[in-house]
Amino acid sequence: MSSLVENAQRLIIKVGSSLVTNDGRGLDPGGIANWARQIAALRAMGKEVVLVSSGAIAEGRVRLGFEARPTGVHELQACAAVGQMGLAQILGSLAFILLVSD
């Protein structure tokens, strides 16, 4: 572990769409479970962890049945709104895993 991480009290982790989704087929629960384990390990070291995630449009696209990423603003907004629900569900599960591990 780098000295930067070792010396930090708070870590902000940004996870992009490519790490959130399963090759564009929706959210990747296995990958997200892996983050939960890594974040739990950081919390066990006394670190405060803030997770910032992309992926709402990608998840919404799958839930709404778009084969390709839409280009219209209204379609993108709809995908983001629906996708936020999927992210909230899985990140809620992540929070539960972290609480149980504390």
C-alpha atoms as a PDB file:
ATOM      1  CA  MET A   1       0.000   0.000   0.000  1.00  0.00           C
ATOM      2  CA  SER A   2       1.357   3.416  -0.888  1.00  0.00           C
ATOM      3  CA  SER A   3       2.328   5.834   1.857  1.00  0.00           C
ATOM      4  CA  LEU A   4      -0.295   8.236   0.493  1.00  0.00           C
ATOM      5  CA  VAL A   5      -3.069   5.745   1.306  1.00  0.00           C
ATOM      6  CA  GLU A   6      -1.440   4.698   4.571  1.00  0.00           C
ATOM      7  CA  ASN A   7      -1.308   8.314   5.782  1.00  0.00           C
ATOM      8  CA  ALA A   8      -4.784   9.296   4.597  1.00  0.00           C
ATOM      9  CA  GLN A   9      -7.710   9.471   7.004  1.00  0.00           C
ATOM     10  CA  ARG A  10     -10.342   9.735   4.277  1.00  0.00           C
ATOM     11  CA  LEU A  11     -10.250   8.065   0.868  1.00  0.00           C
ATOM     12  CA  ILE A  12     -12.500   9.043  -2.024  1.00  0.00           C
ATOM     13  CA  ILE A  13     -12.851   6.256  -4.565  1.00  0.00           C
ATOM     14  CA  LYS A  14     -14.267   7.053  -8.033  1.00  0.00           C
ATOM     15  CA  VAL A  15     -15.513   4.039  -9.951  1.00  0.00           C
ATOM     16  CA  GLY A  16     -16.370   4.570 -13.608  1.00  0.00           C
ATOM     17  CA  SER A  17     -19.012   2.902 -15.764  1.00  0.00           C
ATOM     18  CA  SER A  18     -16.606   0.304 -17.126  1.00  0.00           C
ATOM     19  CA  LEU A  19     -15.982  -0.967 -13.581  1.00  0.00           C
ATOM     20  CA  VAL A  20     -19.632  -0.759 -12.536  1.00  0.00           C
ATOM     21  CA  THR A  21     -21.122  -2.622 -15.485  1.00  0.00           C
ATOM     22  CA  ASN A  22     -20.625  -6.086 -16.867  1.00  0.00           C
ATOM     23  CA  ASP A  23     -19.525  -5.233 -20.421  1.00  0.00           C
ATOM     24  CA  GLY A  24     -22.618  -3.101 -20.940  1.00  0.00           C
ATOM     25  CA  ARG A  25     -24.990  -5.850 -19.749  1.00  0.00           C
ATOM     26  CA  GLY A  26     -26.040  -4.102 -16.556  1.00  0.00           C
ATOM     27  CA  LEU A  27     -24.443  -3.847 -13.157  1.00  0.00           C
ATOM     28  CA  ASP A  28     -21.717  -6.304 -12.161  1.00  0.00           C
ATOM     29  CA  PRO A  29     -22.677  -7.665  -8.716  1.00  0.00           C
ATOM     30  CA  GLY A  30     -19.462  -9.707  -8.471  1.00  0.00           C
ATOM     31  CA  GLY A  31     -17.303  -6.664  -9.112  1.00  0.00           C
ATOM     32  CA  ILE A  32     -19.287  -4.610  -6.645  1.00  0.00           C
ATOM     33  CA  ALA A  33     -18.952  -7.352  -4.001  1.00  0.00           C
ATOM     34  CA  ASN A  34     -15.202  -7.192  -4.579  1.00  0.00           C
ATOM     35  CA  TRP A  35     -15.274  -3.436  -3.855  1.00  0.00           C
ATOM     36  CA  ALA A  36     -17.204  -4.162  -0.666  1.00  0.00           C
ATOM     37  CA  ARG A  37     -14.429  -6.458   0.546  1.00  0.00           C
ATOM     38  CA  GLN A  38     -11.740  -3.925  -0.326  1.00  0.00           C
ATOM     39  CA  ILE A  39     -13.636  -1.058   1.283  1.00  0.00           C
ATOM     40  CA  ALA A  40     -14.276  -3.183   4.388  1.00  0.00           C
ATOM     41  CA  ALA A  41     -10.517  -3.816   4.628  1.00  0.00           C
ATOM     42  CA  LEU A  42      -9.825  -0.077   4.398  1.00  0.00           C
ATOM     43  CA  ARG A  43     -12.453   0.638   7.056  1.00  0.00           C
ATOM     44  CA  ALA A  44     -10.882  -2.025   9.276  1.00  0.00           C
ATOM     45  CA  MET A  45      -7.688   0.031   9.020  1.00  0.00           C
ATOM     46  CA  GLY A  46      -9.613   3.029  10.344  1.00  0.00           C
ATOM     47  CA  LYS A  47     -10.061   4.782   6.990  1.00  0.00           C
ATOM     48  CA  GLU A  48     -13.164   6.769   6.119  1.00  0.00           C
ATOM     49  CA  VAL A  49     -14.186   5.777   2.583  1.00  0.00           C
ATOM     50  CA  VAL A  50     -16.382   7.757   0.192  1.00  0.00           C
ATOM     51  CA  LEU A  51     -17.485   5.898  -2.941  1.00  0.00           C
ATOM     52  CA  VAL A  52     -18.405   7.887  -6.065  1.00  0.00           C
ATOM     53  CA  SER A  53     -19.843   5.868  -8.919  1.00  0.00           C
ATOM     54  CA  SER A  54     -20.830   6.263 -12.553  1.00  0.00           C
ATOM     55  CA  GLY A  55     -22.986   3.776 -14.374  1.00  0.00           C
ATOM     56  CA  ALA A  56     -26.547   5.074 -14.024  1.00  0.00           C
ATOM     57  CA  ILE A  57     -27.043   5.533 -17.778  1.00  0.00           C
ATOM     58  CA  ALA A  58     -25.489   2.155 -18.568  1.00  0.00           C
ATOM     59  CA  GLU A  59     -27.722   0.377 -16.035  1.00  0.00           C
ATOM     60  CA  GLY A  60     -30.821   2.286 -17.147  1.00  0.00           C
ATOM     61  CA  ARG A  61     -30.120   1.435 -20.769  1.00  0.00           C
ATOM     62  CA  VAL A  62     -30.238  -2.260 -19.892  1.00  0.00           C
ATOM     63  CA  ARG A  63     -33.346  -1.947 -17.712  1.00  0.00           C
ATOM     64  CA  LEU A  64     -35.187   0.021 -20.406  1.00  0.00           C
ATOM     65  CA  GLY A  65     -34.148  -2.366 -23.177  1.00  0.00           C
ATOM     66  CA  PHE A  66     -32.035  -0.041 -25.342  1.00  0.00           C
ATOM     67  CA  GLU A  67     -29.655  -2.114 -27.463  1.00  0.00           C
ATOM     68  CA  ALA A  68     -27.270   0.810 -27.918  1.00  0.00           C
ATOM     69  CA  ARG A  69     -26.561   3.886 -25.859  1.00  0.00           C
ATOM     70  CA  PRO A  70     -29.201   6.490 -26.740  1.00  0.00           C
ATOM     71  CA  THR A  71     -28.116   9.868 -28.053  1.00  0.00           C
ATOM     72  CA  GLY A  72     -31.204  11.957 -27.318  1.00  0.00           C
ATOM     73  CA  VAL A  73     -31.252  14.021 -24.146  1.00  0.00           C
ATOM     74  CA  HIS A  74     -34.654  12.729 -23.029  1.00  0.00           C
ATOM     75  CA  GLU A  75     -33.665   9.092 -23.515  1.00  0.00           C
ATOM     76  CA  LEU A  76     -30.379   9.652 -21.659  1.00  0.00           C
ATOM     77  CA  GLN A  77     -32.257  11.325 -18.809  1.00  0.00           C
ATOM     78  CA  ALA A  78     -34.695   8.418 -18.627  1.00  0.00           C
ATOM     79  CA  CYS A  79     -31.819   5.931 -18.570  1.00  0.00           C
ATOM     80  CA  ALA A  80     -30.064   7.881 -15.819  1.00  0.00           C
ATOM     81  CA  ALA A  81     -33.215   8.074 -13.698  1.00  0.00           C
ATOM     82  CA  VAL A  82     -34.005   4.372 -14.025  1.00  0.00           C
ATOM     83  CA  GLY A  83     -30.360   3.388 -13.661  1.00  0.00           C
ATOM     84  CA  GLN A  84     -30.026   5.357 -10.424  1.00  0.00           C
ATOM     85  CA  MET A  85     -32.539   2.960  -8.884  1.00  0.00           C
ATOM     86  CA  GLY A  86     -30.378  -0.032  -9.800  1.00  0.00           C
ATOM     87  CA  LEU A  87     -27.302   1.672  -8.422  1.00  0.00           C
ATOM     88  CA  ALA A  88     -29.146   2.597  -5.223  1.00  0.00           C
ATOM     89  CA  GLN A  89     -30.241  -1.019  -4.755  1.00  0.00           C
ATOM     90  CA  ILE A  90     -26.828  -2.542  -5.222  1.00  0.00           C
ATOM     91  CA  LEU A  91     -24.991   0.185  -3.307  1.00  0.00           C
ATOM     92  CA  GLY A  92     -27.508  -0.278  -0.486  1.00  0.00           C
ATOM     93  CA  SER A  93     -26.461  -3.924  -0.423  1.00  0.00           C
ATOM     94  CA  LEU A  94     -22.838  -2.794  -0.373  1.00  0.00           C
ATOM     95  CA  ALA A  95     -23.549  -0.552   2.617  1.00  0.00           C
ATOM     96  CA  PHE A  96     -25.191  -3.494   4.396  1.00  0.00           C
ATOM     97  CA  ILE A  97     -22.134  -5.677   3.770  1.00  0.00           C
ATOM     98  CA  LEU A  98     -19.901  -2.934   5.172  1.00  0.00           C
ATOM     99  CA  LEU A  99     -22.084  -2.465   8.251  1.00  0.00           C
ATOM    100  CA  VAL A 100     -22.120  -6.197   8.960  1.00  0.00           C
ATOM    101  CA  SER A 101     -18.347  -6.394   8.576  1.00  0.00           C
ATOM    102  CA  ASP A 102     -17.742  -3.607  11.144  1.00  0.00           C
END
